[in-house]
Amino acid sequence: MGSEGAAKKMAIVASKGTLDMAYAALVLAATAAAMDTEVRVFFAFGGLGILHKEANKALPPPQGMENLPELARAVNWEGIPQMLKMCQDAGVKLVACSAAMQMLGYREEDLVEGIEVADADRFIEFALEAHSSLFI
């Protein structure tokens, strides 16, 4: 860990594009940011759908929880596009994996505004300094 008084850092990998995994990554990121933590979320493979400006409006719920969209609305949870904006407003850095984008045919213009595109090594440099790393 870092020295006492050093800025707290959290690295999150979002690798799945279902609604429950999107909520998990974004809620944790926003909460950590609210706790004065520098947060980066690295979106790879299925997780890239969370950043896609059209696909993220209707991410599939996990099997067995088809009613998740209704449950989220019932407790006034925001949709994924709004959650992304909330994270960005809180200072969370959202990073799309360039290799996964190339492999899956994503273009930068497919993504919501304000997304950084980077290779895994740039994220790993941050993760190696982080106090906490999560794989979702």
C-alpha atoms as a PDB file:
ATOM      1  CA  MET A   1       0.000   0.000   0.000  1.00  0.00           C
ATOM      2  CA  GLY A   2       1.026   3.613  -0.237  1.00  0.00           C
ATOM      3  CA  SER A   3       2.384   5.863   2.446  1.00  0.00           C
ATOM      4  CA  GLU A   4       0.081   7.364   5.040  1.00  0.00           C
ATOM      5  CA  GLY A   5      -1.790  10.311   3.613  1.00  0.00           C
ATOM      6  CA  ALA A   6      -1.294   9.164  -0.007  1.00  0.00           C
ATOM      7  CA  ALA A   7      -4.316   9.450  -2.291  1.00  0.00           C
ATOM      8  CA  LYS A   8      -6.516   6.360  -2.280  1.00  0.00           C
ATOM      9  CA  LYS A   9      -6.810   4.592  -5.623  1.00  0.00           C
ATOM     10  CA  MET A  10      -9.182   1.901  -6.874  1.00  0.00           C
ATOM     11  CA  ALA A  11      -8.888  -0.024 -10.136  1.00  0.00           C
ATOM     12  CA  ILE A  12     -11.960  -1.809 -11.498  1.00  0.00           C
ATOM     13  CA  VAL A  13     -12.116  -4.106 -14.523  1.00  0.00           C
ATOM     14  CA  ALA A  14     -15.583  -4.358 -16.078  1.00  0.00           C
ATOM     15  CA  SER A  15     -15.548  -7.404 -18.321  1.00  0.00           C
ATOM     16  CA  LYS A  16     -19.219  -8.319 -18.670  1.00  0.00           C
ATOM     17  CA  GLY A  17     -21.978  -6.383 -20.369  1.00  0.00           C
ATOM     18  CA  THR A  18     -25.069  -7.517 -18.515  1.00  0.00           C
ATOM     19  CA  LEU A  19     -27.152  -5.030 -16.568  1.00  0.00           C
ATOM     20  CA  ASP A  20     -26.194  -6.428 -13.154  1.00  0.00           C
ATOM     21  CA  MET A  21     -22.465  -6.260 -13.933  1.00  0.00           C
ATOM     22  CA  ALA A  22     -22.822  -2.703 -15.268  1.00  0.00           C
ATOM     23  CA  TYR A  23     -24.590  -1.597 -12.096  1.00  0.00           C
ATOM     24  CA  ALA A  24     -22.009  -3.364  -9.922  1.00  0.00           C
ATOM     25  CA  ALA A  25     -19.033  -1.666 -11.577  1.00  0.00           C
ATOM     26  CA  LEU A  26     -20.616   1.782 -11.771  1.00  0.00           C
ATOM     27  CA  VAL A  27     -22.115   1.840  -8.276  1.00  0.00           C
ATOM     28  CA  LEU A  28     -18.800   0.777  -6.757  1.00  0.00           C
ATOM     29  CA  ALA A  29     -16.904   3.337  -8.846  1.00  0.00           C
ATOM     30  CA  ALA A  30     -19.258   6.190  -7.938  1.00  0.00           C
ATOM     31  CA  THR A  31     -19.240   5.225  -4.263  1.00  0.00           C
ATOM     32  CA  ALA A  32     -15.453   5.050  -4.123  1.00  0.00           C
ATOM     33  CA  ALA A  33     -15.183   8.425  -5.874  1.00  0.00           C
ATOM     34  CA  ALA A  34     -17.590   9.911  -3.313  1.00  0.00           C
ATOM     35  CA  MET A  35     -15.203   8.595  -0.646  1.00  0.00           C
ATOM     36  CA  ASP A  36     -12.388  10.701  -2.098  1.00  0.00           C
ATOM     37  CA  THR A  37     -10.795   7.846  -4.041  1.00  0.00           C
ATOM     38  CA  GLU A  38      -9.202   8.111  -7.481  1.00  0.00           C
ATOM     39  CA  VAL A  39     -11.026   5.515  -9.563  1.00  0.00           C
ATOM     40  CA  ARG A  40     -10.422   4.051 -13.011  1.00  0.00           C
ATOM     41  CA  VAL A  41     -12.710   1.522 -14.619  1.00  0.00           C
ATOM     42  CA  PHE A  42     -11.236  -0.498 -17.484  1.00  0.00           C
ATOM     43  CA  PHE A  43     -13.890  -1.882 -19.830  1.00  0.00           C
ATOM     44  CA  ALA A  44     -12.898  -4.958 -21.815  1.00  0.00           C
ATOM     45  CA  PHE A  45     -14.731  -7.490 -23.968  1.00  0.00           C
ATOM     46  CA  GLY A  46     -18.405  -7.689 -22.909  1.00  0.00           C
ATOM     47  CA  GLY A  47     -17.899  -4.686 -20.661  1.00  0.00           C
ATOM     48  CA  LEU A  48     -17.437  -2.481 -23.721  1.00  0.00           C
ATOM     49  CA  GLY A  49     -21.202  -2.650 -24.259  1.00  0.00           C
ATOM     50  CA  ILE A  50     -21.599  -0.546 -21.104  1.00  0.00           C
ATOM     51  CA  LEU A  51     -19.780   2.276 -22.900  1.00  0.00           C
ATOM     52  CA  HIS A  52     -21.582   1.904 -26.243  1.00  0.00           C
ATOM     53  CA  LYS A  53     -23.841   4.933 -26.585  1.00  0.00           C
ATOM     54  CA  GLU A  54     -26.716   2.890 -28.029  1.00  0.00           C
ATOM     55  CA  ALA A  55     -26.269  -0.599 -26.560  1.00  0.00           C
ATOM     56  CA  ASN A  56     -25.977   0.706 -22.995  1.00  0.00           C
ATOM     57  CA  LYS A  57     -29.581   1.896 -23.065  1.00  0.00           C
ATOM     58  CA  ALA A  58     -30.840  -1.708 -23.081  1.00  0.00           C
ATOM     59  CA  LEU A  59     -28.208  -4.003 -21.553  1.00  0.00           C
ATOM     60  CA  PRO A  60     -29.546  -7.512 -21.055  1.00  0.00           C
ATOM     61  CA  PRO A  61     -30.413  -8.571 -17.521  1.00  0.00           C
ATOM     62  CA  PRO A  62     -28.773 -11.745 -16.235  1.00  0.00           C
ATOM     63  CA  GLN A  63     -30.548 -15.041 -16.746  1.00  0.00           C
ATOM     64  CA  GLY A  64     -33.026 -15.576 -13.939  1.00  0.00           C
ATOM     65  CA  MET A  65     -33.299 -11.840 -13.208  1.00  0.00           C
ATOM     66  CA  GLU A  66     -35.238 -10.691 -16.225  1.00  0.00           C
ATOM     67  CA  ASN A  67     -37.149  -8.279 -13.975  1.00  0.00           C
ATOM     68  CA  LEU A  68     -33.987  -6.355 -12.971  1.00  0.00           C
ATOM     69  CA  PRO A  69     -34.835  -3.283 -15.081  1.00  0.00           C
ATOM     70  CA  GLU A  70     -38.206  -2.974 -13.303  1.00  0.00           C
ATOM     71  CA  LEU A  71     -36.600  -3.558  -9.889  1.00  0.00           C
ATOM     72  CA  ALA A  72     -34.024  -0.831 -10.565  1.00  0.00           C
ATOM     73  CA  ARG A  73     -36.723   1.639 -11.624  1.00  0.00           C
ATOM     74  CA  ALA A  74     -38.800   0.773  -8.538  1.00  0.00           C
ATOM     75  CA  VAL A  75     -35.962   1.933  -6.256  1.00  0.00           C
ATOM     76  CA  ASN A  76     -35.229   4.985  -8.445  1.00  0.00           C
ATOM     77  CA  TRP A  77     -31.888   3.781  -9.780  1.00  0.00           C
ATOM     78  CA  GLU A  78     -30.712   5.696 -12.795  1.00  0.00           C
ATOM     79  CA  GLY A  79     -30.235   4.026 -16.173  1.00  0.00           C
ATOM     80  CA  ILE A  80     -26.752   3.061 -17.334  1.00  0.00           C
ATOM     81  CA  PRO A  81     -26.207   6.192 -19.483  1.00  0.00           C
ATOM     82  CA  GLN A  82     -27.033   8.354 -16.459  1.00  0.00           C
ATOM     83  CA  MET A  83     -24.833   6.217 -14.180  1.00  0.00           C
ATOM     84  CA  LEU A  84     -21.900   6.705 -16.568  1.00  0.00           C
ATOM     85  CA  LYS A  85     -22.432  10.470 -16.512  1.00  0.00           C
ATOM     86  CA  MET A  86     -22.662  10.433 -12.720  1.00  0.00           C
ATOM     87  CA  CYS A  87     -19.350   8.560 -12.532  1.00  0.00           C
ATOM     88  CA  GLN A  88     -17.688  10.977 -14.931  1.00  0.00           C
ATOM     89  CA  ASP A  89     -19.031  13.958 -12.981  1.00  0.00           C
ATOM     90  CA  ALA A  90     -17.550  12.413  -9.811  1.00  0.00           C
ATOM     91  CA  GLY A  91     -14.139  12.195 -11.492  1.00  0.00           C
ATOM     92  CA  VAL A  92     -14.110   8.479 -12.323  1.00  0.00           C
ATOM     93  CA  LYS A  93     -11.952   7.765 -15.369  1.00  0.00           C
ATOM     94  CA  LEU A  94     -13.678   5.389 -17.754  1.00  0.00           C
ATOM     95  CA  VAL A  95     -11.201   3.555 -19.973  1.00  0.00           C
ATOM     96  CA  ALA A  96     -12.020   1.359 -22.984  1.00  0.00           C
ATOM     97  CA  CYS A  97      -9.553  -1.407 -23.825  1.00  0.00           C
ATOM     98  CA  SER A  98      -8.138  -0.608 -27.252  1.00  0.00           C
ATOM     99  CA  ALA A  99      -7.291  -4.247 -28.058  1.00  0.00           C
ATOM    100  CA  ALA A 100     -10.807  -5.448 -27.202  1.00  0.00           C
ATOM    101  CA  MET A 101     -12.264  -2.585 -29.238  1.00  0.00           C
ATOM    102  CA  GLN A 102     -10.223  -3.645 -32.244  1.00  0.00           C
ATOM    103  CA  MET A 103     -11.121  -7.301 -31.777  1.00  0.00           C
ATOM    104  CA  LEU A 104     -14.857  -6.592 -31.439  1.00  0.00           C
ATOM    105  CA  GLY A 105     -15.065  -3.894 -34.106  1.00  0.00           C
ATOM    106  CA  TYR A 106     -15.819  -0.947 -31.815  1.00  0.00           C
ATOM    107  CA  ARG A 107     -14.892   2.579 -32.915  1.00  0.00           C
ATOM    108  CA  GLU A 108     -14.328   5.550 -30.629  1.00  0.00           C
ATOM    109  CA  GLU A 109     -17.378   7.243 -32.093  1.00  0.00           C
ATOM    110  CA  ASP A 110     -19.492   4.270 -30.891  1.00  0.00           C
ATOM    111  CA  LEU A 111     -18.720   5.180 -27.283  1.00  0.00           C
ATOM    112  CA  VAL A 112     -20.269   7.772 -25.000  1.00  0.00           C
ATOM    113  CA  GLU A 113     -18.437  11.095 -24.738  1.00  0.00           C
ATOM    114  CA  GLY A 114     -15.407  11.413 -22.494  1.00  0.00           C
ATOM    115  CA  ILE A 115     -14.101   7.855 -22.681  1.00  0.00           C
ATOM    116  CA  GLU A 116     -10.351   7.276 -22.704  1.00  0.00           C
ATOM    117  CA  VAL A 117      -9.117   4.519 -25.010  1.00  0.00           C
ATOM    118  CA  ALA A 118      -5.942   2.805 -23.836  1.00  0.00           C
ATOM    119  CA  ASP A 119      -3.943  -0.386 -23.962  1.00  0.00           C
ATOM    120  CA  ALA A 120      -3.944  -2.724 -21.001  1.00  0.00           C
ATOM    121  CA  ASP A 121      -0.444  -1.683 -19.954  1.00  0.00           C
ATOM    122  CA  ARG A 122      -1.622   1.855 -19.130  1.00  0.00           C
ATOM    123  CA  PHE A 123      -4.377   0.484 -16.925  1.00  0.00           C
ATOM    124  CA  ILE A 124      -2.027  -1.998 -15.270  1.00  0.00           C
ATOM    125  CA  GLU A 125       0.351   0.829 -14.365  1.00  0.00           C
ATOM    126  CA  PHE A 126      -2.528   2.454 -12.464  1.00  0.00           C
ATOM    127  CA  ALA A 127      -3.724  -0.845 -10.976  1.00  0.00           C
ATOM    128  CA  LEU A 128      -0.247  -1.589  -9.610  1.00  0.00           C
ATOM    129  CA  GLU A 129      -0.469   1.647  -7.610  1.00  0.00           C
ATOM    130  CA  ALA A 130      -4.063   1.074  -6.508  1.00  0.00           C
ATOM    131  CA  HIS A 131      -5.011   0.211  -2.956  1.00  0.00           C
ATOM    132  CA  SER A 132      -7.817  -1.975  -4.244  1.00  0.00           C
ATOM    133  CA  SER A 133      -8.466  -3.780  -7.522  1.00  0.00           C
ATOM    134  CA  LEU A 134     -11.777  -5.394  -8.464  1.00  0.00           C
ATOM    135  CA  PHE A 135     -12.623  -7.650 -11.406  1.00  0.00           C
ATOM    136  CA  ILE A 136     -16.306  -7.544 -12.286  1.00  0.00           C
END
